[in-house]
Amino acid sequence: MAEECVVGAVSADEVRAHVERITTTIPSRLAGSENGRRMAEYSAAALTQLEGRVFELPGLVSFPEPAEMRTVAPVEIAIEANTLGHSVPTLPEGLSGELIDVASGAFHEYEGRSAVGKITLSELSYHPARHEKQRISAIMGATGCVMMNWGHPENTAVPFGSVKPVWGNPTPETYRTEMATLPCVGIARTAGLKLREMLKAGPVRVWFRANVENGWRPVQITVGEIKGRTDDFVVVGGHQDSWPGPQATDNAAGNACVLELARVFNRHRNKLRRGLVCGFWTGHETGTMIGSSWYVDRNWDRLREHAVAYLQIDQPACAGTSRWSAASNVELKRFHQAVEKRVLGSRPAFWRRAVKNGDASFFGLGVPMLAAQGAYTEEELKRTALANLGWWHHSVENTIDKLDFAFMQDHLRVYAAYLWELCTAIVLPFEFVSVADQFIERLEELKPGADPIGLDGAIRCARAFRAAAERLEQTAEGWRVRYADGGTTDEAAAQILNGCMKRLSRALVPLASTAKGAYGHDPYGYTPQGTMIPSLYDVSQLARTKNGEERWMLETQLVRARNRVADVLEDCRRMVDDTLRALG
């Protein structure tokens, strides 16, 4: 059965109906609140024949309140502000200090400057994420953070957001080392630009009081499943918790899309080779991916053996978007770009390598991820200080008029086509030559100054894996053609190929996309996460570090990371060779 059976059946009208009900009857879906529970129950009830189930778990969440803020000098001005989630609360007398503008809040913004004892002013528009801006500010000796909203210069929306770096619930170790340590507030872009102008004229002192309740509460996720003919399955999901207000785009719309896809795929469940698991996570906003990480941790064995891919749907069809944007682990790139071209035709589309943000809790597990939605033009992004999720993001202005339901229909069609192929293809539509190319390119980029850690050997392993990946691709494509032409109905070869592809992803995704590896989570927005092979991020620092204790420790760390890279790539090469021998 062709994909048109699902692509032609999904309906943006159904999505609109869900969004209207969610935003009007369950606004402010904070994890740990009664409305958070009601949203989980709504998702379960809407899954109808899928036997949606609500799971309750403990979560370290945050309930931030409005903050109080003002400039103290050179003039006193009151500023509307929101305390950011998991901020450290100030003492009753508040916090005052000299303001320093650190723009994006990245490490390089502090070069040649001292933030010790100061309060940082940063922009939400740019990487790193809020969580990492806070972490970097603390490392640089600041005492507090003020973060201005993105959007057009006249944007008066005051943002919500969390600054908790720990991914998911903390462990004893990450509670000590990765929790937020500074009081943080968010302000409108208009206020932030005013502060920036004042700083150009001379020193500015500010005062603020952060008000927040942080603690453990019961939180809920919802999971439904459509069984396929085999034990393998695809996961599609997004977070169902939200900040105060309707939060139509973030993420009532994404939840509604998953419900609509579940409705349509359930009609064709007897045609699915692989099943479909629908996940509605929580603790995304005020807990930093509590729900999705809990699901991965508690379903590890089954996911590791049988999960094929993860499609995240978060903030689809924002008003004003016109391009298509996809982020994926590169083994999925060729597959999903072919779907996009087939379904969207000539609509502009672009791709980027998936990094560990959103509910990317499957990276350590090694399940490849795809997230895709409408995107703004470069010109629009320039006008709004890179507000790629809309100027209203994380504010009470996020109402249903911020959704484009005509474009939503295209979103649904693409999502349905993605899932149909993943759930029905005899041989998985993955390719690993591009994965090898990414490793080779990054290792070659890191090579200058890296002689002490022996990257040459790792590069040889990467090239050997590439040659093996080419052989695997030729073989897989040959079997795809045979199955398509009806040359055979015996799926034994497909099972061998698919098993190899899943095992390759299990090994390569954590290596390409995490610093900690399979059994932990990097802090949210962690700076090395923006690069391929995060565990080798500090190689460039090695050449700049003088001989001594600091260099010797760094070299030890990097040699061990290099060994991990070489081992994984060599193991993957052998895995491919074993697979090809098994196929004869």
Protein backbone atom coordinates (compact mmCIF):
# COMPACT_ATOMS: atom_id res chain seq x y z
CA MET A 1 0.00 0.00 0.00
CA ALA A 2 1.43 3.40 -1.00
CA GLU A 3 2.10 6.20 1.48
CA GLU A 4 -0.83 8.14 0.01
CA CYS A 5 -3.18 6.15 2.25
CA VAL A 6 -1.85 8.12 5.21
CA VAL A 7 -0.57 11.28 3.51
CA GLY A 8 -4.00 11.89 2.00
CA ALA A 9 -5.89 11.11 5.19
CA VAL A 10 -4.28 13.43 7.76
CA SER A 11 -6.25 16.58 8.49
CA ALA A 12 -5.21 20.00 9.76
CA ASP A 13 -8.83 20.53 10.80
CA GLU A 14 -8.46 17.69 13.30
CA VAL A 15 -5.28 19.32 14.60
CA ARG A 16 -7.03 22.69 14.94
CA ALA A 17 -9.82 21.10 16.97
CA HIS A 18 -7.33 19.59 19.42
CA VAL A 19 -5.36 22.84 19.70
CA GLU A 20 -8.54 24.82 20.42
CA ARG A 21 -9.58 22.40 23.17
CA ILE A 22 -6.13 22.26 24.75
CA THR A 23 -5.46 26.00 24.75
CA THR A 24 -8.90 27.00 25.99
CA THR A 25 -9.59 24.29 28.57
CA ILE A 26 -6.04 23.39 29.75
CA PRO A 27 -3.88 26.52 29.54
CA SER A 28 -0.68 26.79 31.61
CA ARG A 29 0.24 23.10 31.54
CA LEU A 30 3.13 23.28 33.99
CA ALA A 31 4.69 19.93 34.88
CA GLY A 32 3.71 19.07 38.43
CA SER A 33 0.50 21.12 38.33
CA GLU A 34 -3.09 19.93 38.15
CA ASN A 35 -3.30 21.16 34.57
CA GLY A 36 -0.19 19.15 33.76
CA ARG A 37 -2.04 16.06 34.96
CA ARG A 38 -5.18 17.04 33.02
CA MET A 39 -3.14 17.38 29.83
CA ALA A 40 -1.69 13.89 30.27
CA GLU A 41 -5.20 12.52 30.76
CA TYR A 42 -6.43 14.41 27.69
CA SER A 43 -3.68 12.84 25.55
CA ALA A 44 -4.49 9.37 26.85
CA ALA A 45 -8.23 9.78 26.20
CA ALA A 46 -7.63 11.14 22.69
CA LEU A 47 -5.53 8.12 21.74
CA THR A 48 -8.82 6.12 21.74
CA GLN A 49 -8.01 2.63 20.42
CA LEU A 50 -4.29 2.86 21.19
CA GLU A 51 -4.84 2.23 24.90
CA GLY A 52 -3.03 5.41 25.90
CA ARG A 53 -1.49 5.08 29.32
CA VAL A 54 -0.46 7.78 31.80
CA PHE A 55 2.74 7.15 33.73
CA GLU A 56 3.42 9.15 36.89
CA LEU A 57 6.95 9.76 38.07
CA PRO A 58 8.73 12.09 40.49
CA GLY A 59 10.26 15.16 38.85
CA LEU A 60 12.42 18.03 40.07
CA VAL A 61 10.42 20.92 38.61
CA SER A 62 10.16 24.66 39.07
CA PHE A 63 7.35 27.15 39.59
CA PRO A 64 8.85 30.58 38.90
CA GLU A 65 6.96 33.76 39.75
CA PRO A 66 7.19 37.30 38.38
CA ALA A 67 10.44 38.95 39.38
CA GLU A 68 11.05 42.52 40.54
CA MET A 69 13.73 44.51 38.78
CA ARG A 70 14.98 48.06 38.37
CA THR A 71 18.02 50.01 37.36
CA VAL A 72 19.71 51.70 40.33
CA ALA A 73 22.21 53.92 38.51
CA PRO A 74 22.68 56.16 36.63
CA VAL A 75 18.88 56.47 36.89
CA GLU A 76 16.18 54.43 38.59
CA ILE A 77 13.80 52.67 36.14
CA ALA A 78 11.39 49.83 36.93
CA ILE A 79 11.61 46.84 34.56
CA GLU A 80 9.03 44.08 34.17
CA ALA A 81 10.69 40.67 34.58
CA ASN A 82 9.95 36.97 35.04
CA THR A 83 12.03 34.72 37.25
CA LEU A 84 13.44 31.92 35.12
CA GLY A 85 12.76 28.32 36.06
CA HIS A 86 15.25 26.69 38.44
CA SER A 87 16.81 30.05 39.12
CA VAL A 88 18.33 30.28 42.55
CA PRO A 89 15.98 32.52 44.55
CA THR A 90 17.49 35.72 45.85
CA LEU A 91 17.42 36.68 49.49
CA PRO A 92 14.48 38.93 50.46
CA GLU A 93 16.64 42.02 49.98
CA GLY A 94 17.33 41.01 46.38
CA LEU A 95 20.56 41.20 44.41
CA SER A 96 22.32 44.27 43.06
CA GLY A 97 25.42 44.71 40.97
CA GLU A 98 27.07 46.27 37.98
CA LEU A 99 25.70 45.07 34.65
CA ILE A 100 27.96 43.62 31.93
CA ASP A 101 26.67 42.96 28.40
CA VAL A 102 27.85 39.53 27.24
CA ALA A 103 25.70 39.41 24.07
CA SER A 104 25.21 35.71 23.25
CA GLY A 105 26.59 34.63 26.62
CA ALA A 106 29.10 32.24 25.03
CA PHE A 107 32.60 31.79 26.43
CA HIS A 108 34.22 33.96 23.76
CA GLU A 109 32.12 36.96 24.81
CA TYR A 110 34.10 37.15 28.05
CA GLU A 111 37.56 37.28 26.47
CA GLY A 112 39.58 40.19 27.86
CA ARG A 113 36.81 41.13 30.31
CA SER A 114 35.97 40.33 33.90
CA ALA A 115 32.47 39.34 34.99
CA VAL A 116 33.48 38.63 38.59
CA GLY A 117 30.88 40.02 40.97
CA LYS A 118 28.77 41.41 38.11
CA ILE A 119 25.34 40.66 36.67
CA THR A 120 25.38 39.52 33.04
CA LEU A 121 23.02 40.77 30.34
CA SER A 122 22.61 38.28 27.48
CA GLU A 123 20.27 37.66 24.55
CA LEU A 124 17.95 34.68 24.25
CA SER A 125 18.31 34.87 20.48
CA TYR A 126 21.68 33.24 20.14
CA HIS A 127 23.44 30.04 21.09
CA PRO A 128 24.20 28.89 23.68
CA ALA A 129 20.87 28.05 25.30
CA ARG A 130 19.64 29.76 28.48
CA HIS A 131 20.90 26.86 30.59
CA GLU A 132 24.42 27.20 29.21
CA LYS A 133 24.41 31.00 29.46
CA GLN A 134 23.75 30.58 33.19
CA ARG A 135 26.44 27.92 33.56
CA ILE A 136 29.02 30.02 31.74
CA SER A 137 28.11 33.13 33.75
CA ALA A 138 28.69 31.17 36.96
CA ILE A 139 32.03 29.82 35.73
CA MET A 140 33.10 33.38 34.88
CA GLY A 141 32.29 34.60 38.41
CA ALA A 142 29.05 36.49 37.80
CA THR A 143 26.50 36.79 40.60
CA GLY A 144 23.30 36.82 38.53
CA CYS A 145 21.88 36.79 35.00
CA VAL A 146 19.46 39.00 33.10
CA MET A 147 18.33 37.56 29.75
CA MET A 148 16.56 39.73 27.20
CA ASN A 149 13.98 38.32 24.81
CA TRP A 150 14.42 37.95 21.08
CA GLY A 151 12.03 39.34 18.43
CA HIS A 152 11.68 42.69 16.70
CA PRO A 153 13.06 45.73 18.55
CA GLU A 154 9.55 46.70 19.70
CA ASN A 155 8.80 43.31 21.27
CA THR A 156 7.43 43.88 24.78
CA ALA A 157 6.74 40.18 25.52
CA VAL A 158 8.42 39.09 28.77
CA PRO A 159 9.83 35.56 28.39
CA PHE A 160 9.55 32.47 30.52
CA GLY A 161 12.23 29.78 30.41
CA SER A 162 14.37 27.44 32.47
CA VAL A 163 18.08 27.60 33.29
CA LYS A 164 18.51 24.08 34.76
CA PRO A 165 21.47 22.47 32.95
CA VAL A 166 20.91 18.96 34.36
CA TRP A 167 19.24 16.83 31.69
CA GLY A 168 16.29 15.03 33.28
CA ASN A 169 16.15 14.29 36.97
CA PRO A 170 19.52 14.80 38.64
CA THR A 171 21.74 12.09 40.03
CA PRO A 172 23.64 12.72 43.28
CA GLU A 173 26.63 13.73 41.15
CA THR A 174 24.84 16.02 38.68
CA TYR A 175 22.87 17.63 41.50
CA ARG A 176 26.20 18.73 42.98
CA THR A 177 27.89 19.70 39.72
CA GLU A 178 25.29 20.73 37.13
CA MET A 179 22.35 22.44 38.80
CA ALA A 180 21.84 26.18 38.31
CA THR A 181 23.79 28.25 40.83
CA LEU A 182 22.74 31.82 39.97
CA PRO A 183 19.52 33.85 40.23
CA CYS A 184 18.24 34.55 36.71
CA VAL A 185 15.45 36.69 35.26
CA GLY A 186 14.03 37.29 31.79
CA ILE A 187 13.03 40.70 30.43
CA ALA A 188 11.43 42.05 27.26
CA ARG A 189 13.59 42.90 24.27
CA THR A 190 12.60 46.56 24.56
CA ALA A 191 13.95 46.66 28.12
CA GLY A 192 17.11 44.79 27.18
CA LEU A 193 17.91 47.11 24.30
CA LYS A 194 17.35 50.09 26.62
CA LEU A 195 19.87 48.62 29.08
CA ARG A 196 22.33 48.05 26.26
CA GLU A 197 22.05 51.69 25.20
CA MET A 198 22.59 52.84 28.78
CA LEU A 199 25.74 50.68 29.01
CA LYS A 200 27.20 52.44 25.98
CA ALA A 201 27.08 55.69 27.95
CA GLY A 202 28.74 54.30 31.08
CA PRO A 203 28.35 51.89 34.02
CA VAL A 204 24.86 50.66 34.89
CA ARG A 205 23.84 49.12 38.20
CA VAL A 206 20.72 46.98 38.48
CA TRP A 207 18.77 45.31 41.28
CA PHE A 208 16.40 42.37 41.06
CA ARG A 209 14.55 39.92 43.27
CA ALA A 210 14.01 36.39 41.89
CA ASN A 211 11.00 34.49 43.25
CA VAL A 212 10.73 30.77 42.57
CA GLU A 213 9.69 27.47 44.13
CA ASN A 214 11.88 24.53 43.09
CA GLY A 215 11.08 21.03 44.29
CA TRP A 216 10.02 17.48 43.59
CA ARG A 217 6.46 16.91 42.38
CA PRO A 218 4.62 14.02 40.70
CA VAL A 219 4.60 14.61 36.93
CA GLN A 220 2.95 12.65 34.13
CA ILE A 221 3.79 11.40 30.63
CA THR A 222 1.42 9.66 28.23
CA VAL A 223 2.36 6.79 25.92
CA GLY A 224 0.26 4.98 23.32
CA GLU A 225 1.30 2.26 20.90
CA ILE A 226 0.23 0.82 17.56
CA LYS A 227 1.70 -2.65 17.18
CA GLY A 228 3.36 -3.68 13.91
CA ARG A 229 4.02 -7.11 12.43
CA THR A 230 7.50 -7.23 13.99
CA ASP A 231 8.82 -6.21 17.39
CA ASP A 232 10.56 -3.14 15.95
CA PHE A 233 8.96 0.30 16.19
CA VAL A 234 9.36 4.03 15.55
CA VAL A 235 8.87 6.62 18.29
CA VAL A 236 7.05 9.88 17.54
CA GLY A 237 6.67 12.42 20.32
CA GLY A 238 6.93 15.85 21.82
CA HIS A 239 6.44 17.57 25.17
CA GLN A 240 2.95 18.21 26.51
CA ASP A 241 3.88 20.53 29.38
CA SER A 242 3.99 24.27 28.80
CA TRP A 243 4.53 27.68 30.36
CA PRO A 244 1.66 29.93 31.55
CA GLY A 245 -0.77 31.01 28.87
CA PRO A 246 -2.25 29.11 25.91
CA GLN A 247 1.14 28.10 24.43
CA ALA A 248 -0.52 27.14 21.16
CA THR A 249 2.65 26.58 19.15
CA ASP A 250 4.64 25.25 22.11
CA ASN A 251 3.51 22.56 22.15
CA ALA A 252 -0.27 22.14 21.86
CA ALA A 253 0.22 22.03 18.09
CA GLY A 254 2.86 19.32 18.28
CA ASN A 255 0.70 17.20 20.60
CA ALA A 256 -2.25 17.61 18.24
CA CYS A 257 -0.12 16.46 15.30
CA VAL A 258 0.91 13.29 17.14
CA LEU A 259 -2.73 12.58 18.00
CA GLU A 260 -3.76 13.03 14.38
CA LEU A 261 -0.96 10.79 13.10
CA ALA A 262 -1.95 8.15 15.64
CA ARG A 263 -5.59 8.32 14.46
CA VAL A 264 -4.66 7.77 10.83
CA PHE A 265 -1.94 5.16 11.34
CA ASN A 266 -4.22 3.16 13.62
CA ARG A 267 -6.56 2.68 10.65
CA HIS A 268 -3.73 1.00 8.76
CA ARG A 269 -2.09 -0.90 11.59
CA ASN A 270 -2.31 -4.21 9.71
CA LYS A 271 -0.01 -2.75 7.02
CA LEU A 272 2.75 -1.72 9.40
CA ARG A 273 5.90 -3.82 9.45
CA ARG A 274 7.10 -1.82 12.46
CA GLY A 275 4.93 -0.37 15.20
CA LEU A 276 4.47 3.25 16.21
CA VAL A 277 4.96 4.46 19.79
CA CYS A 278 3.43 7.87 20.53
CA GLY A 279 5.04 9.73 23.42
CA PHE A 280 3.78 12.87 25.17
CA TRP A 281 6.61 13.94 27.45
CA THR A 282 6.62 16.29 30.44
CA GLY A 283 9.13 18.27 32.45
CA HIS A 284 10.53 19.65 29.20
CA GLU A 285 10.06 23.28 30.17
CA THR A 286 10.43 23.38 33.95
CA GLY A 287 12.47 20.23 34.44
CA THR A 288 14.74 19.97 31.37
CA MET A 289 13.58 16.78 29.63
CA ILE A 290 12.46 14.81 32.67
CA GLY A 291 9.74 12.82 30.88
CA SER A 292 11.62 11.73 27.76
CA SER A 293 14.78 10.82 29.70
CA TRP A 294 12.71 8.82 32.21
CA TYR A 295 11.04 6.96 29.34
CA VAL A 296 14.42 6.08 27.82
CA ASP A 297 15.92 5.02 31.16
CA ARG A 298 12.96 2.82 32.11
CA ASN A 299 12.50 1.20 28.68
CA TRP A 300 16.18 0.82 27.82
CA ASP A 301 16.28 -2.87 26.91
CA ARG A 302 13.34 -2.76 24.54
CA LEU A 303 14.37 0.55 22.98
CA ARG A 304 17.94 -0.58 22.44
CA GLU A 305 16.83 -3.76 20.72
CA HIS A 306 13.83 -2.56 18.74
CA ALA A 307 13.59 1.24 18.37
CA VAL A 308 14.40 2.28 14.81
CA ALA A 309 14.15 6.08 14.87
CA TYR A 310 12.67 8.99 16.81
CA LEU A 311 10.60 11.75 15.20
CA GLN A 312 10.22 14.79 17.44
CA ILE A 313 7.33 17.17 16.73
CA ASP A 314 7.68 20.46 18.57
CA GLN A 315 6.25 23.80 17.40
CA PRO A 316 5.05 22.92 13.89
CA ALA A 317 3.59 25.50 11.49
CA CYS A 318 4.44 28.71 13.34
CA ALA A 319 2.74 31.68 11.68
CA GLY A 320 4.97 33.37 9.11
CA THR A 321 7.20 30.38 8.38
CA SER A 322 7.60 29.46 4.73
CA ARG A 323 10.67 27.21 4.42
CA TRP A 324 11.12 23.63 5.63
CA SER A 325 13.79 22.97 8.23
CA ALA A 326 14.98 19.51 9.22
CA ALA A 327 17.59 18.45 11.76
CA SER A 328 18.66 14.82 11.86
CA ASN A 329 21.40 12.36 12.53
CA VAL A 330 22.99 12.10 9.14
CA GLU A 331 22.13 8.43 8.51
CA LEU A 332 18.52 9.65 8.07
CA LYS A 333 19.31 12.63 5.83
CA ARG A 334 18.99 11.03 2.39
CA PHE A 335 15.74 9.32 3.36
CA HIS A 336 13.94 12.33 4.79
CA GLN A 337 15.14 14.74 2.11
CA ALA A 338 13.68 12.44 -0.54
CA VAL A 339 10.37 12.49 1.37
CA GLU A 340 10.43 16.29 1.59
CA LYS A 341 11.10 16.67 -2.13
CA ARG A 342 8.32 14.22 -2.96
CA VAL A 343 5.72 15.81 -0.68
CA LEU A 344 6.69 19.50 -0.66
CA GLY A 345 7.91 19.84 -4.23
CA SER A 346 9.77 23.08 -4.79
CA ARG A 347 9.26 24.58 -1.32
CA PRO A 348 12.67 25.74 0.00
CA ALA A 349 14.16 23.34 2.54
CA PHE A 350 17.39 23.14 4.46
CA TRP A 351 19.12 20.65 6.77
CA ARG A 352 21.37 20.78 9.79
CA ARG A 353 23.00 18.11 11.90
CA ALA A 354 20.85 17.29 14.92
CA VAL A 355 22.32 18.39 18.23
CA LYS A 356 21.15 17.46 21.70
CA ASN A 357 18.35 19.93 22.31
CA GLY A 358 14.62 19.60 22.67
CA ASP A 359 13.66 16.13 23.89
CA ALA A 360 16.72 14.51 22.30
CA SER A 361 16.94 12.03 25.16
CA PHE A 362 17.50 9.15 22.72
CA PHE A 363 21.04 10.18 21.69
CA GLY A 364 22.86 8.24 24.40
CA LEU A 365 20.74 5.20 23.60
CA GLY A 366 21.85 5.53 19.97
CA VAL A 367 18.47 5.90 18.26
CA PRO A 368 18.74 8.34 15.33
CA MET A 369 16.52 11.39 15.59
CA LEU A 370 14.67 13.63 13.14
CA ALA A 371 12.99 16.95 14.01
CA ALA A 372 11.41 19.06 11.27
CA GLN A 373 9.04 22.02 10.93
CA GLY A 374 8.48 25.30 9.12
CA ALA A 375 11.19 27.93 9.30
CA TYR A 376 11.49 31.67 8.72
CA THR A 377 13.48 33.22 5.91
CA GLU A 378 16.93 34.62 6.65
CA GLU A 379 15.56 38.13 6.15
CA GLU A 380 12.82 37.58 8.73
CA LEU A 381 15.30 36.13 11.21
CA LYS A 382 17.52 39.18 10.83
CA ARG A 383 14.58 41.48 11.53
CA THR A 384 13.66 39.59 14.72
CA ALA A 385 17.10 38.89 16.22
CA LEU A 386 16.97 35.24 15.16
CA ALA A 387 13.54 34.53 16.65
CA ASN A 388 13.33 31.19 14.88
CA LEU A 389 10.34 30.09 16.99
CA GLY A 390 8.41 33.34 16.74
CA TRP A 391 8.68 36.53 18.79
CA TRP A 392 5.92 35.20 21.08
CA HIS A 393 7.88 32.07 22.09
CA HIS A 394 7.67 31.26 25.83
CA SER A 395 5.33 34.16 26.55
CA VAL A 396 1.62 34.66 27.23
CA GLU A 397 1.34 35.99 23.66
CA ASN A 398 1.53 32.42 22.31
CA THR A 399 -2.10 32.21 21.20
CA ILE A 400 -3.78 30.14 18.49
CA ASP A 401 -3.43 32.91 15.90
CA LYS A 402 0.32 32.16 15.95
CA LEU A 403 -0.36 28.98 13.95
CA ASP A 404 -0.64 28.66 10.16
CA PHE A 405 -3.13 25.82 9.64
CA ALA A 406 -2.70 25.85 5.85
CA PHE A 407 1.00 25.09 6.32
CA MET A 408 0.01 22.65 9.07
CA GLN A 409 -1.53 20.44 6.41
CA ASP A 410 1.85 20.20 4.68
CA HIS A 411 3.51 19.43 8.01
CA LEU A 412 1.12 16.54 8.59
CA ARG A 413 1.66 15.16 5.10
CA VAL A 414 5.44 15.19 5.52
CA TYR A 415 5.28 13.65 9.00
CA ALA A 416 2.95 10.93 7.73
CA ALA A 417 5.29 10.16 4.83
CA TYR A 418 8.31 10.02 7.13
CA LEU A 419 6.58 7.59 9.46
CA TRP A 420 5.05 5.48 6.71
CA GLU A 421 8.43 4.72 5.17
CA LEU A 422 10.07 4.08 8.53
CA CYS A 423 7.24 1.76 9.55
CA THR A 424 6.89 -0.14 6.26
CA ALA A 425 10.26 -0.22 4.40
CA ILE A 426 11.55 -3.77 4.11
CA VAL A 427 15.14 -2.54 4.37
CA LEU A 428 15.61 0.50 6.57
CA PRO A 429 16.29 3.65 4.51
CA PHE A 430 19.52 4.54 6.32
CA GLU A 431 22.99 5.12 4.85
CA PHE A 432 26.29 5.39 6.71
CA VAL A 433 28.76 6.65 4.11
CA SER A 434 27.73 10.20 5.06
CA VAL A 435 28.22 9.36 8.73
CA ALA A 436 31.78 8.22 8.03
CA ASP A 437 32.38 11.38 6.02
CA GLN A 438 31.35 13.50 9.01
CA PHE A 439 33.82 11.69 11.24
CA ILE A 440 36.64 12.05 8.72
CA GLU A 441 35.94 15.74 8.18
CA ARG A 442 35.85 16.52 11.90
CA LEU A 443 38.94 14.49 12.74
CA GLU A 444 40.89 16.15 9.91
CA GLU A 445 39.70 19.55 11.19
CA LEU A 446 41.01 18.73 14.67
CA LYS A 447 44.32 17.28 13.50
CA PRO A 448 46.49 20.45 13.51
CA GLY A 449 48.14 20.59 16.91
CA ALA A 450 46.74 17.20 17.94
CA ASP A 451 49.87 15.08 17.36
CA PRO A 452 50.23 14.25 21.09
CA ILE A 453 46.94 12.36 21.13
CA GLY A 454 47.41 10.36 17.93
CA LEU A 455 44.46 11.33 15.77
CA ASP A 456 46.11 9.73 12.72
CA GLY A 457 45.10 6.31 13.95
CA ALA A 458 41.52 7.41 14.53
CA ILE A 459 41.39 8.89 11.02
CA ARG A 460 42.58 5.58 9.56
CA CYS A 461 39.77 3.84 11.44
CA ALA A 462 37.27 6.37 10.08
CA ARG A 463 38.45 5.81 6.50
CA ALA A 464 38.30 2.04 6.91
CA PHE A 465 34.76 2.36 8.25
CA ARG A 466 33.85 4.53 5.26
CA ALA A 467 35.01 1.83 2.85
CA ALA A 468 32.93 -0.71 4.77
CA ALA A 469 29.93 1.63 4.76
CA GLU A 470 30.18 1.89 0.97
CA ARG A 471 30.06 -1.89 0.68
CA LEU A 472 27.09 -2.00 3.05
CA GLU A 473 25.25 0.65 1.04
CA GLN A 474 25.80 -1.19 -2.25
CA THR A 475 24.52 -4.40 -0.73
CA ALA A 476 21.52 -2.77 0.95
CA GLU A 477 20.53 -0.96 -2.24
CA GLY A 478 20.75 -4.21 -4.18
CA TRP A 479 18.36 -5.88 -1.74
CA ARG A 480 16.01 -2.89 -1.84
CA VAL A 481 15.77 -3.27 -5.61
CA ARG A 482 15.18 -7.02 -5.35
CA TYR A 483 12.38 -6.57 -2.85
CA ALA A 484 10.80 -3.75 -4.86
CA ASP A 485 10.90 -5.80 -8.06
CA GLY A 486 9.37 -8.82 -6.38
CA GLY A 487 12.52 -10.84 -6.93
CA THR A 488 12.16 -12.37 -3.48
CA THR A 489 9.73 -12.37 -0.58
CA ASP A 490 12.19 -13.87 1.90
CA GLU A 491 12.97 -11.12 4.38
CA ALA A 492 15.89 -12.89 6.08
CA ALA A 493 18.43 -10.66 4.31
CA ALA A 494 16.46 -7.55 5.32
CA GLN A 495 16.48 -8.65 8.93
CA ILE A 496 20.27 -9.04 8.84
CA LEU A 497 20.75 -5.64 7.20
CA ASN A 498 18.33 -3.89 9.53
CA GLY A 499 19.97 -5.44 12.57
CA CYS A 500 23.33 -4.13 11.40
CA MET A 501 21.97 -0.62 10.78
CA LYS A 502 20.40 -0.45 14.22
CA ARG A 503 23.64 -1.60 15.88
CA LEU A 504 25.65 0.94 13.88
CA SER A 505 23.42 3.75 15.11
CA ARG A 506 23.66 2.49 18.68
CA ALA A 507 27.44 2.91 18.47
CA LEU A 508 27.79 5.99 16.27
CA VAL A 509 25.07 8.37 17.51
CA PRO A 510 26.46 8.62 21.07
CA LEU A 511 29.98 9.08 19.69
CA ALA A 512 29.00 11.77 17.18
CA SER A 513 26.58 13.64 19.40
CA THR A 514 27.44 13.30 23.10
CA ALA A 515 30.39 13.96 25.38
CA LYS A 516 29.31 11.62 28.17
CA GLY A 517 28.35 8.70 25.96
CA ALA A 518 25.58 6.17 26.34
CA TYR A 519 24.88 6.15 30.08
CA GLY A 520 24.64 9.79 31.02
CA HIS A 521 23.35 13.08 29.63
CA ASP A 522 25.39 16.16 28.82
CA PRO A 523 24.09 19.39 30.39
CA TYR A 524 21.45 21.07 28.26
CA GLY A 525 23.02 23.40 25.69
CA TYR A 526 26.52 22.21 26.61
CA THR A 527 28.92 24.16 24.38
CA PRO A 528 30.76 21.12 22.91
CA GLN A 529 27.34 19.81 21.80
CA GLY A 530 27.39 22.23 18.90
CA THR A 531 30.23 20.26 17.29
CA MET A 532 30.71 16.78 15.88
CA ILE A 533 32.39 14.39 18.39
CA PRO A 534 31.84 16.57 21.50
CA SER A 535 34.30 14.50 23.56
CA LEU A 536 37.13 15.92 21.39
CA TYR A 537 35.94 19.53 21.62
CA ASP A 538 38.96 20.64 23.67
CA VAL A 539 41.56 19.40 21.16
CA SER A 540 42.00 22.94 19.86
CA GLN A 541 42.75 24.10 23.40
CA LEU A 542 45.61 21.62 23.74
CA ALA A 543 47.97 23.52 21.45
CA ARG A 544 47.26 26.76 23.36
CA THR A 545 47.95 25.24 26.79
CA LYS A 546 51.48 25.52 28.16
CA ASN A 547 53.33 22.51 29.50
CA GLY A 548 52.29 21.83 33.05
CA GLU A 549 49.57 20.25 35.16
CA GLU A 550 46.64 21.68 33.19
CA ARG A 551 48.00 20.47 29.87
CA TRP A 552 48.91 17.02 31.14
CA MET A 553 45.42 16.46 32.55
CA LEU A 554 43.79 17.72 29.36
CA GLU A 555 46.01 15.50 27.23
CA THR A 556 45.07 12.48 29.35
CA GLN A 557 41.37 13.25 28.88
CA LEU A 558 41.71 13.71 25.13
CA VAL A 559 43.77 10.57 24.59
CA ARG A 560 41.03 8.55 26.27
CA ALA A 561 38.38 10.27 24.14
CA ARG A 562 40.47 9.54 21.03
CA ASN A 563 40.66 5.88 22.02
CA ARG A 564 36.88 5.75 22.31
CA VAL A 565 36.53 7.20 18.80
CA ALA A 566 39.01 4.75 17.27
CA ASP A 567 37.47 1.74 19.03
CA VAL A 568 33.90 2.56 18.00
CA LEU A 569 34.82 3.17 14.37
CA GLU A 570 36.86 -0.05 14.20
CA ASP A 571 34.06 -2.02 15.86
CA CYS A 572 31.60 -0.61 13.33
CA ARG A 573 33.86 -1.59 10.44
CA ARG A 574 34.01 -5.14 11.75
CA MET A 575 30.25 -5.16 12.31
CA VAL A 576 29.68 -4.31 8.65
CA ASP A 577 32.14 -6.97 7.49
CA ASP A 578 30.43 -9.58 9.67
CA THR A 579 27.05 -8.58 8.24
CA LEU A 580 28.21 -8.84 4.65
CA ARG A 581 29.73 -12.27 5.32
CA ALA A 582 26.43 -13.40 6.84
CA LEU A 583 24.66 -12.34 3.65
CA GLY A 584 27.06 -14.45 1.59
